[in-house]
């Protein structure tokens, strides 16, 4: 059994997208290379393709020009020899014996023989009127493209592959041959009366073309290589600069990330310190409340009892005034003690904490408080003690402000969970106020409440205006700890 391991693509969200395609893997590896290496690969391929195309084009143009120039010079030379002896073909399909003998004599001359290896003279329809190979004289062959173009008046030249039936004699030379088709014109009318086909020894021409091709390829390769090296140097310098800047940016990013982590740590420490301070402050307030209740309140109560007994025993009338003053002082101290001492909140739910604050306020002020919450999640969540203290004090202070400044009209507490945050609002239907004016007048109740909420990472907002009541809003992120 063969076990095949596959690579799978997983995005940042952790979703599996199946096996990675080889093309995607190659593209990813290529994309991960430095810029100058990617340029070297792509630029090398483009330069190589461009060099091949340009080299092929230049060589083609060189070969075409050299072959055509050689063919034209040979055609002019041959036409001066053949045309005067081929005028019989204007009226017939063969040459006379005298003209044929004269033509063979001319072609046999050393100066001609060294250049021209074979000659054919064609009539319309592919009839061979004369040929160096006497065996094909008078035969008819299927005309091919070059012969047909020559009948149109063009000089056609090229290296022949000698694959036609009439080229058996030329194949026997075993040499590279330059094939030239040259129209023969009538001396009297100027019309084309025949087409002369002759084969020239192209060994020397072939060697010259080979040297020219090599030279052209060398020049093209040198230019392409120099261009590529120059561009590669520029791209490499740019790539190094980019890599350097990238390294600098990454270092800066690491420093910023480090500073950000340190700031987050400091923020958490400050928040923890604020929460601890809030808890210690509540303990201090509890202690002060207990001291007021057990100390001055007890002494005042004892004095009240003794003066009351003295008054009943026939004391002076001033004792009545003293008793009234003591009763008011005792009530104030006991109220202050009750306000400073929190009920036991540790382990309580959000709903229980808010309900205790509202009930304590209603009992103290003898006013109605409406509780509104249809959120079961907020009913059961049990956050830490610093947050519970903040929630209790927010409701307590908010309702106290509503009682003091709105006579307790329309007191209402609403709370619900919104996107992992607890939103608590305390509102009334009083006359409202200008928040900026209150701050300018030096009132610190709302400012203290704002600081208390922010000390545990919450947000505090006041929604009010003259003539439309007041709404205090607290948004506090709650850790999800459900009972």
Protein backbone atom coordinates (compact mmCIF):
# COMPACT_ATOMS: atom_id res chain seq x y z
CA UNK A 1 0.00 0.00 0.00
CA UNK A 2 1.29 3.47 -0.92
CA UNK A 3 0.58 6.41 1.31
CA UNK A 4 0.32 9.71 -0.54
CA UNK A 5 0.66 12.91 1.44
CA UNK A 6 -1.09 15.97 0.05
CA UNK A 7 -0.54 19.59 0.89
CA UNK A 8 -3.70 21.48 1.76
CA UNK A 9 -4.40 25.20 1.57
CA UNK A 10 -5.64 26.75 4.81
CA UNK A 11 -6.49 30.45 4.94
CA UNK A 12 -6.19 32.79 7.92
CA UNK A 13 -9.65 31.83 9.13
CA UNK A 14 -8.58 28.17 9.37
CA UNK A 15 -10.81 26.95 6.54
CA UNK A 16 -9.47 24.02 4.49
CA UNK A 17 -9.68 24.65 0.74
CA UNK A 18 -8.48 21.24 -0.43
CA UNK A 19 -5.20 20.13 -2.05
CA UNK A 20 -2.86 22.82 -3.32
CA UNK A 21 -2.43 22.74 -7.10
CA UNK A 22 1.15 22.40 -8.40
CA UNK A 23 0.75 25.62 -10.38
CA UNK A 24 -0.28 27.49 -7.23
CA UNK A 25 2.67 25.98 -5.33
CA UNK A 26 5.10 27.02 -8.08
CA UNK A 27 3.59 30.50 -8.26
CA UNK A 28 3.84 30.85 -4.49
CA UNK A 29 7.50 29.80 -4.53
CA UNK A 30 8.21 32.20 -7.41
CA UNK A 31 6.38 35.05 -5.67
CA UNK A 32 8.49 34.47 -2.56
CA UNK A 33 11.77 35.07 -4.43
CA UNK A 34 13.51 38.47 -4.22
CA UNK A 35 12.66 40.95 -6.94
CA UNK A 36 15.98 40.69 -8.78
CA UNK A 37 15.74 36.90 -8.95
CA UNK A 38 12.23 37.07 -10.34
CA UNK A 39 13.47 39.59 -12.90
CA UNK A 40 16.38 37.29 -13.74
CA UNK A 41 14.00 34.40 -14.47
CA UNK A 42 11.34 36.33 -16.37
CA UNK A 43 13.81 38.72 -18.02
CA UNK A 44 16.07 35.85 -19.05
CA UNK A 45 13.18 34.01 -20.71
CA UNK A 46 11.94 37.17 -22.45
CA UNK A 47 15.48 38.12 -23.53
CA UNK A 48 16.11 34.62 -24.89
CA UNK A 49 12.85 34.59 -26.85
CA UNK A 50 13.53 38.11 -28.13
CA UNK A 51 17.07 37.18 -29.10
CA UNK A 52 15.86 34.12 -31.03
CA UNK A 53 13.17 36.10 -32.85
CA UNK A 54 15.46 39.03 -33.68
CA UNK A 55 18.30 36.72 -34.68
CA UNK A 56 16.03 34.66 -36.92
CA UNK A 57 14.65 37.82 -38.52
CA UNK A 58 18.11 39.34 -39.08
CA UNK A 59 19.49 36.10 -40.52
CA UNK A 60 16.48 35.75 -42.78
CA UNK A 61 16.95 39.28 -44.06
CA UNK A 62 20.68 38.74 -44.57
CA UNK A 63 20.15 35.48 -46.44
CA UNK A 64 17.37 36.97 -48.55
CA UNK A 65 19.46 40.02 -49.46
CA UNK A 66 22.63 38.06 -50.23
CA UNK A 67 20.80 35.44 -52.28
CA UNK A 68 18.83 38.04 -54.22
CA UNK A 69 21.91 40.15 -55.00
CA UNK A 70 23.84 37.10 -56.10
CA UNK A 71 20.90 35.90 -58.19
CA UNK A 72 20.43 39.26 -59.89
CA UNK A 73 24.09 39.50 -60.86
CA UNK A 74 24.03 35.92 -62.15
CA UNK A 75 20.73 36.50 -63.97
CA UNK A 76 22.03 39.60 -65.73
CA UNK A 77 25.15 37.73 -66.77
CA UNK A 78 23.25 34.68 -67.98
CA UNK A 79 20.60 36.68 -69.77
CA UNK A 80 23.33 38.39 -71.80
CA UNK A 81 24.49 34.93 -72.93
CA UNK A 82 21.24 33.00 -73.29
CA UNK A 83 18.71 35.58 -74.45
CA UNK A 84 20.27 36.21 -77.91
CA UNK A 85 20.41 32.46 -78.58
CA UNK A 86 16.84 31.80 -77.38
CA UNK A 87 14.90 34.03 -79.73
CA UNK A 88 13.82 30.98 -81.77
CA UNK A 89 11.49 30.14 -78.90
CA UNK A 90 9.33 33.13 -79.75
CA UNK A 91 7.95 31.16 -82.69
CA UNK A 92 8.59 27.56 -81.65
CA UNK A 93 9.18 25.15 -78.83
CA UNK A 94 12.77 24.09 -79.60
CA UNK A 95 16.10 25.68 -80.46
CA UNK A 96 17.76 25.18 -83.83
CA UNK A 97 20.81 22.94 -83.94
CA UNK A 98 23.10 25.89 -84.62
CA UNK A 99 21.83 27.91 -81.65
CA UNK A 100 21.85 24.86 -79.43
CA UNK A 101 25.44 24.10 -80.39
CA UNK A 102 26.41 27.73 -79.78
CA UNK A 103 24.72 27.69 -76.37
CA UNK A 104 26.52 24.48 -75.36
CA UNK A 105 29.80 26.02 -76.50
CA UNK A 106 29.22 29.09 -74.32
CA UNK A 107 28.23 27.00 -71.29
CA UNK A 108 31.33 24.89 -71.74
CA UNK A 109 33.67 27.85 -71.35
CA UNK A 110 35.72 27.61 -68.11
CA UNK A 111 34.60 31.03 -66.84
CA UNK A 112 30.96 29.98 -67.23
CA UNK A 113 31.40 26.36 -66.23
CA UNK A 114 32.93 27.33 -62.89
CA UNK A 115 29.85 29.36 -62.01
CA UNK A 116 26.93 27.64 -63.77
CA UNK A 117 26.58 23.88 -63.30
CA UNK A 118 23.27 23.27 -65.06
CA UNK A 119 20.80 25.11 -67.30
CA UNK A 120 17.17 24.54 -68.34
CA UNK A 121 15.02 26.63 -70.66
CA UNK A 122 11.28 26.30 -70.09
CA UNK A 123 8.33 26.98 -72.35
CA UNK A 124 4.77 27.58 -71.19
CA UNK A 125 3.06 24.55 -69.67
CA UNK A 126 6.26 23.04 -68.22
CA UNK A 127 7.88 21.98 -71.56
CA UNK A 128 11.69 21.70 -71.43
CA UNK A 129 12.99 23.39 -74.60
CA UNK A 130 16.65 22.96 -73.62
CA UNK A 131 18.55 21.37 -70.73
CA UNK A 132 22.11 20.52 -69.82
CA UNK A 133 20.68 17.04 -69.23
CA UNK A 134 19.75 16.18 -72.84
CA UNK A 135 17.55 13.30 -71.64
CA UNK A 136 14.78 15.62 -70.44
CA UNK A 137 14.68 17.91 -73.50
CA UNK A 138 11.19 17.86 -74.97
CA UNK A 139 9.61 16.44 -71.77
CA UNK A 140 6.81 18.21 -69.95
CA UNK A 141 6.74 18.52 -66.16
CA UNK A 142 4.16 19.96 -63.82
CA UNK A 143 5.05 23.67 -63.30
CA UNK A 144 5.71 24.56 -59.65
CA UNK A 145 5.47 27.85 -57.77
CA UNK A 146 8.86 29.39 -58.58
CA UNK A 147 8.51 28.67 -62.31
CA UNK A 148 5.02 30.14 -62.39
CA UNK A 149 6.20 33.30 -60.60
CA UNK A 150 9.05 33.66 -63.13
CA UNK A 151 6.51 33.60 -65.96
CA UNK A 152 5.00 36.68 -64.28
CA UNK A 153 8.29 38.52 -64.93
CA UNK A 154 10.07 38.15 -61.57
CA UNK A 155 13.57 36.82 -60.96
CA UNK A 156 13.23 34.02 -58.41
CA UNK A 157 16.23 32.67 -56.50
CA UNK A 158 16.80 30.35 -53.57
CA UNK A 159 18.56 27.26 -52.30
CA UNK A 160 16.75 24.36 -53.96
CA UNK A 161 16.14 21.09 -52.16
CA UNK A 162 16.14 19.35 -55.60
CA UNK A 163 13.11 17.18 -54.87
CA UNK A 164 11.43 17.63 -58.29
CA UNK A 165 11.57 14.98 -61.02
CA UNK A 166 13.42 17.25 -63.44
CA UNK A 167 16.21 17.82 -60.85
CA UNK A 168 17.75 14.33 -60.97
CA UNK A 169 20.83 15.57 -62.78
CA UNK A 170 21.42 18.39 -60.30
CA UNK A 171 21.11 16.05 -57.33
CA UNK A 172 24.07 14.10 -58.67
CA UNK A 173 26.44 17.05 -58.06
CA UNK A 174 26.12 16.66 -54.30
CA UNK A 175 26.74 20.36 -53.76
CA UNK A 176 24.67 23.25 -52.34
CA UNK A 177 23.11 24.89 -55.39
CA UNK A 178 21.59 28.30 -55.88
CA UNK A 179 18.59 27.97 -58.16
CA UNK A 180 17.68 31.01 -60.31
CA UNK A 181 14.66 31.49 -62.57
CA UNK A 182 15.19 34.29 -65.09
CA UNK A 183 12.52 35.35 -67.63
CA UNK A 184 13.76 35.59 -71.26
CA UNK A 185 12.21 38.44 -73.25
CA UNK A 186 11.70 38.76 -76.98
CA UNK A 187 14.10 41.25 -78.57
CA UNK A 188 11.34 42.42 -80.93
CA UNK A 189 8.25 42.64 -78.68
CA UNK A 190 9.65 42.51 -75.13
CA UNK A 191 7.27 39.69 -74.17
CA UNK A 192 8.41 36.74 -72.09
CA UNK A 193 9.07 33.88 -74.51
CA UNK A 194 10.76 31.46 -72.09
CA UNK A 195 12.19 31.08 -68.60
CA UNK A 196 15.81 30.15 -68.08
CA UNK A 197 16.53 28.06 -64.98
CA UNK A 198 20.17 27.69 -64.03
CA UNK A 199 21.98 26.32 -61.00
CA UNK A 200 25.00 28.06 -59.55
CA UNK A 201 27.56 26.45 -57.25
CA UNK A 202 26.70 27.98 -53.87
CA UNK A 203 29.44 26.42 -51.77
CA UNK A 204 31.27 29.69 -51.30
CA UNK A 205 28.02 31.59 -50.91
CA UNK A 206 26.87 29.05 -48.33
CA UNK A 207 30.09 29.51 -46.36
CA UNK A 208 29.70 33.29 -46.48
CA UNK A 209 26.12 32.99 -45.27
CA UNK A 210 27.22 30.70 -42.44
CA UNK A 211 29.78 33.27 -41.30
CA UNK A 212 27.21 36.05 -41.63
CA UNK A 213 24.70 34.05 -39.57
CA UNK A 214 27.24 33.42 -36.84
CA UNK A 215 28.23 37.05 -36.79
CA UNK A 216 24.60 38.18 -36.66
CA UNK A 217 23.79 35.73 -33.87
CA UNK A 218 26.86 36.85 -31.93
CA UNK A 219 25.93 40.52 -32.29
CA UNK A 220 22.29 39.90 -31.33
CA UNK A 221 23.34 37.76 -28.36
CA UNK A 222 25.87 40.38 -27.23
CA UNK A 223 23.32 43.21 -27.46
CA UNK A 224 20.62 41.16 -25.73
CA UNK A 225 23.07 40.03 -23.04
CA UNK A 226 24.38 43.53 -22.43
CA UNK A 227 20.85 44.91 -22.26
CA UNK A 228 19.79 42.17 -19.84
CA UNK A 229 22.86 42.63 -17.62
CA UNK A 230 22.32 46.40 -17.52
CA UNK A 231 18.64 46.06 -16.64
CA UNK A 232 19.42 43.32 -14.13
CA UNK A 233 21.94 45.60 -12.43
CA UNK A 234 19.35 48.36 -12.15
CA UNK A 235 16.67 45.98 -10.87
CA UNK A 236 19.12 44.37 -8.43
CA UNK A 237 20.05 47.77 -7.00
CA UNK A 238 16.34 48.60 -6.69
CA UNK A 239 15.65 45.19 -5.15
CA UNK A 240 18.36 45.70 -2.54
CA UNK A 241 16.94 49.10 -1.71
CA UNK A 242 13.46 47.61 -1.40
CA UNK A 243 14.75 44.77 0.79
CA UNK A 244 16.59 47.28 2.97
CA UNK A 245 13.50 49.45 3.32
CA UNK A 246 11.39 46.35 3.94
CA UNK A 247 13.79 45.28 6.69
CA UNK A 248 13.64 48.78 8.20
CA UNK A 249 9.84 48.75 8.07
CA UNK A 250 9.69 45.29 9.66
CA UNK A 251 12.01 46.47 12.42
CA UNK A 252 9.87 49.56 12.95
CA UNK A 253 6.76 47.37 12.95
CA UNK A 254 8.33 45.09 15.55
CA UNK A 255 9.19 48.11 17.67
CA UNK A 256 5.69 49.54 17.30
CA UNK A 257 4.19 46.13 18.12
CA UNK A 258 6.43 45.88 21.18
CA UNK A 259 5.45 49.37 22.32
CA UNK A 260 1.79 48.53 21.65
CA UNK A 261 2.07 45.38 23.78
CA UNK A 262 3.74 47.38 26.52
CA UNK A 263 0.98 49.99 26.32
CA UNK A 264 -1.66 47.25 26.49
CA UNK A 265 0.13 45.78 29.52
CA UNK A 266 0.31 49.19 31.17
CA UNK A 267 -3.35 49.82 30.37
CA UNK A 268 -4.30 46.50 31.95
CA UNK A 269 -2.17 47.29 34.98
CA UNK A 270 -3.77 50.73 35.31
CA UNK A 271 -7.23 49.20 34.94
CA UNK A 272 -6.41 46.54 37.53
CA UNK A 273 -5.06 49.23 39.83
CA UNK A 274 -8.22 51.28 39.32
CA UNK A 275 -10.38 48.26 40.06
CA UNK A 276 -8.35 47.49 43.19
CA UNK A 277 -8.54 51.13 44.22
CA UNK A 278 -12.29 51.06 43.70
CA UNK A 279 -12.58 47.94 45.83
CA UNK A 280 -10.33 49.43 48.54
CA UNK A 281 -12.31 52.67 48.41
CA UNK A 282 -15.51 50.75 48.98
CA UNK A 283 -13.91 48.95 51.90
CA UNK A 284 -12.88 52.32 53.31
CA UNK A 285 -16.38 53.70 52.84
CA UNK A 286 -17.81 50.57 54.49
CA UNK A 287 -15.44 51.08 57.41
CA UNK A 288 -16.34 54.79 57.70
CA UNK A 289 -20.03 53.90 57.57
CA UNK A 290 -19.56 51.27 60.26
CA UNK A 291 -17.59 53.73 62.40
CA UNK A 292 -20.33 56.37 62.01
CA UNK A 293 -22.99 53.82 62.91
CA UNK A 294 -21.13 52.34 65.87
CA UNK A 295 -19.50 55.56 67.15
CA UNK A 296 -21.20 58.97 66.78
CA UNK A 297 -24.57 57.45 66.01
CA UNK A 298 -24.49 55.38 69.22
CA UNK A 299 -23.34 58.34 71.28
CA UNK A 300 -26.04 60.55 69.80
CA UNK A 301 -28.63 57.82 70.43
CA UNK A 302 -27.51 57.55 74.07
CA UNK A 303 -27.63 61.36 74.50
CA UNK A 304 -31.06 61.37 72.91
CA UNK A 305 -32.27 58.73 75.39
CA UNK A 306 -30.90 60.57 78.44
CA UNK A 307 -32.28 63.95 77.42
CA UNK A 308 -35.63 62.35 76.59
CA UNK A 309 -35.75 60.79 80.08
CA UNK A 310 -34.76 64.11 81.63
CA UNK A 311 -37.48 65.90 79.66
CA UNK A 312 -40.10 63.44 80.88
CA UNK A 313 -38.89 63.97 84.44
CA UNK A 314 -39.75 67.68 84.18
CA UNK A 315 -36.70 69.17 82.54
CA UNK A 316 -36.75 72.61 80.93
CA UNK A 317 -38.49 73.34 77.63
CA UNK A 318 -35.14 73.79 75.81
CA UNK A 319 -34.75 70.03 76.09
CA UNK A 320 -37.44 69.67 73.38
CA UNK A 321 -35.35 71.67 70.92
CA UNK A 322 -32.26 69.69 71.83
CA UNK A 323 -34.14 66.43 71.27
CA UNK A 324 -35.36 67.57 67.84
CA UNK A 325 -31.82 68.56 66.79
CA UNK A 326 -30.43 65.25 68.04
CA UNK A 327 -33.11 63.31 66.12
CA UNK A 328 -32.23 65.11 62.88
CA UNK A 329 -28.47 64.61 63.37
CA UNK A 330 -29.01 60.95 64.21
CA UNK A 331 -31.17 60.45 61.08
CA UNK A 332 -28.55 62.15 58.91
CA UNK A 333 -25.69 60.06 60.28
CA UNK A 334 -27.67 56.82 59.90
CA UNK A 335 -28.63 57.77 56.32
CA UNK A 336 -25.03 58.61 55.56
CA UNK A 337 -23.90 55.30 57.04
CA UNK A 338 -26.45 53.36 55.00
CA UNK A 339 -25.30 55.15 51.81
CA UNK A 340 -21.64 54.39 52.44
CA UNK A 341 -22.07 50.72 53.26
CA UNK A 342 -22.71 48.49 50.27
CA UNK A 343 -24.70 45.31 50.54
CA UNK A 344 -22.80 42.09 49.97
CA UNK A 345 -22.30 41.96 46.18
CA UNK A 346 -19.62 39.36 45.61
CA UNK A 347 -21.07 36.49 43.53
CA UNK A 348 -24.26 38.39 42.73
CA UNK A 349 -25.68 38.63 39.21
CA UNK A 350 -26.09 41.87 37.27
CA UNK A 351 -29.85 41.84 37.76
CA UNK A 352 -29.55 41.25 41.52
CA UNK A 353 -27.06 44.12 41.89
CA UNK A 354 -29.22 46.60 39.97
CA UNK A 355 -32.34 45.47 41.80
CA UNK A 356 -30.69 45.97 45.22
CA UNK A 357 -29.55 49.49 44.32
CA UNK A 358 -33.02 50.41 43.03
CA UNK A 359 -34.84 48.94 46.04
CA UNK A 360 -32.49 50.69 48.50
CA UNK A 361 -33.11 54.01 46.78
CA UNK A 362 -36.88 53.51 46.69
CA UNK A 363 -36.93 52.64 50.40
CA UNK A 364 -34.74 55.62 51.36
CA UNK A 365 -36.55 58.23 49.27
CA UNK A 366 -40.03 56.71 49.33
CA UNK A 367 -40.27 57.08 45.52
CA UNK A 368 -41.06 54.66 42.69
CA UNK A 369 -38.33 53.17 40.49
CA UNK A 370 -39.16 51.24 37.31
CA UNK A 371 -36.84 48.35 36.34
CA UNK A 372 -36.90 47.30 32.69
CA UNK A 373 -34.96 44.31 31.34
CA UNK A 374 -36.06 41.54 29.01
CA UNK A 375 -32.53 40.18 28.55
CA UNK A 376 -32.11 36.75 30.15
CA UNK A 377 -28.35 36.89 29.54
CA UNK A 378 -27.97 40.01 31.67
CA UNK A 379 -30.13 38.39 34.34
CA UNK A 380 -27.69 35.49 34.82
CA UNK A 381 -24.25 37.02 34.20
CA UNK A 382 -22.04 37.31 37.30
CA UNK A 383 -19.04 39.61 36.67
CA UNK A 384 -16.21 40.38 39.09
CA UNK A 385 -16.63 42.42 42.27
CA UNK A 386 -15.09 45.70 40.89
CA UNK A 387 -17.60 45.67 38.04
CA UNK A 388 -20.50 44.87 40.38
CA UNK A 389 -19.48 47.77 42.63
CA UNK A 390 -19.34 50.07 39.59
CA UNK A 391 -22.80 48.93 38.45
CA UNK A 392 -24.29 49.41 41.95
CA UNK A 393 -22.74 52.87 42.41
CA UNK A 394 -23.80 53.95 38.90
CA UNK A 395 -27.44 53.04 39.58
CA UNK A 396 -27.30 54.46 43.10
CA UNK A 397 -25.76 57.81 42.02
CA UNK A 398 -27.98 58.04 38.94
CA UNK A 399 -31.17 57.54 40.94
CA UNK A 400 -29.94 59.96 43.61
CA UNK A 401 -29.38 62.63 40.95
CA UNK A 402 -32.88 61.94 39.59
CA UNK A 403 -34.33 62.37 43.11
CA UNK A 404 -32.37 65.54 43.85
CA UNK A 405 -32.77 67.35 40.53
CA UNK A 406 -36.01 65.87 39.09
CA UNK A 407 -37.92 65.19 42.38
CA UNK A 408 -37.88 61.47 41.52
CA UNK A 409 -40.30 61.90 38.59
CA UNK A 410 -40.16 59.03 36.08
CA UNK A 411 -37.20 57.25 37.64
CA UNK A 412 -36.34 54.29 35.42
CA UNK A 413 -33.45 51.81 35.19
CA UNK A 414 -32.92 49.79 31.98
CA UNK A 415 -30.21 47.22 31.31
CA UNK A 416 -29.39 44.69 28.56
CA UNK A 417 -26.44 42.97 26.88
CA UNK A 418 -25.35 44.37 23.50
CA UNK A 419 -22.41 42.75 21.66
CA UNK A 420 -20.74 41.36 24.81
CA UNK A 421 -21.19 44.68 26.63
CA UNK A 422 -23.63 45.58 29.38
CA UNK A 423 -25.59 48.77 28.72
CA UNK A 424 -27.26 50.32 31.80
CA UNK A 425 -29.24 53.54 31.69
CA UNK A 426 -30.84 55.59 34.48
CA UNK A 427 -33.41 58.15 33.31
CA UNK A 428 -35.98 60.57 34.66
CA UNK A 429 -38.65 62.92 33.28
CA UNK A 430 -37.40 66.04 35.01
CA UNK A 431 -36.60 69.41 33.49
CA UNK A 432 -33.17 68.31 32.23
CA UNK A 433 -30.12 70.56 32.07
CA UNK A 434 -27.28 71.74 29.90
CA UNK A 435 -24.35 69.31 30.54
CA UNK A 436 -21.76 71.92 29.61
CA UNK A 437 -23.29 74.45 31.97
CA UNK A 438 -23.29 71.97 34.82
CA UNK A 439 -19.59 71.26 34.27
CA UNK A 440 -18.81 74.98 34.06
CA UNK A 441 -20.56 75.51 37.38
CA UNK A 442 -18.10 73.18 39.06
CA UNK A 443 -20.44 70.24 39.69
CA UNK A 444 -18.36 67.11 40.14
CA UNK A 445 -21.07 64.43 40.66
CA UNK A 446 -21.25 63.37 37.00
CA UNK A 447 -17.48 63.79 36.56
CA UNK A 448 -16.85 61.45 39.52
CA UNK A 449 -19.33 58.97 38.11
CA UNK A 450 -17.63 59.12 34.71
CA UNK A 451 -14.23 58.44 36.32
CA UNK A 452 -15.65 55.52 38.29
CA UNK A 453 -17.03 53.92 35.10
CA UNK A 454 -13.84 54.53 33.12
CA UNK A 455 -11.70 53.09 35.93
CA UNK A 456 -13.06 49.61 35.12
CA UNK A 457 -12.79 50.06 31.32
CA UNK A 458 -16.34 51.31 30.72
CA UNK A 459 -17.85 54.20 28.77
CA UNK A 460 -20.09 56.89 30.26
CA UNK A 461 -22.47 59.22 28.43
CA UNK A 462 -25.07 61.84 29.40
CA UNK A 463 -28.11 62.40 27.20
CA UNK A 464 -30.00 65.47 28.34
CA UNK A 465 -31.19 68.91 27.34
CA UNK A 466 -33.30 71.56 29.03
CA UNK A 467 -36.96 70.54 29.06
CA UNK A 468 -36.70 66.85 28.18
CA UNK A 469 -35.32 64.95 31.16
CA UNK A 470 -31.98 63.24 31.75
CA UNK A 471 -30.58 59.87 30.75
CA UNK A 472 -27.27 58.53 32.13
CA UNK A 473 -25.81 55.67 30.08
CA UNK A 474 -23.02 53.25 31.01
CA UNK A 475 -21.47 50.68 28.61
CA UNK A 476 -19.30 48.08 30.33
CA UNK A 477 -17.61 45.06 28.76
CA UNK A 478 -18.50 41.98 30.75
CA UNK A 479 -16.61 38.71 30.85
CA UNK A 480 -19.03 35.91 29.99
CA UNK A 481 -19.41 34.06 33.29
CA UNK A 482 -22.94 32.66 33.44
CA UNK A 483 -24.26 30.99 36.55
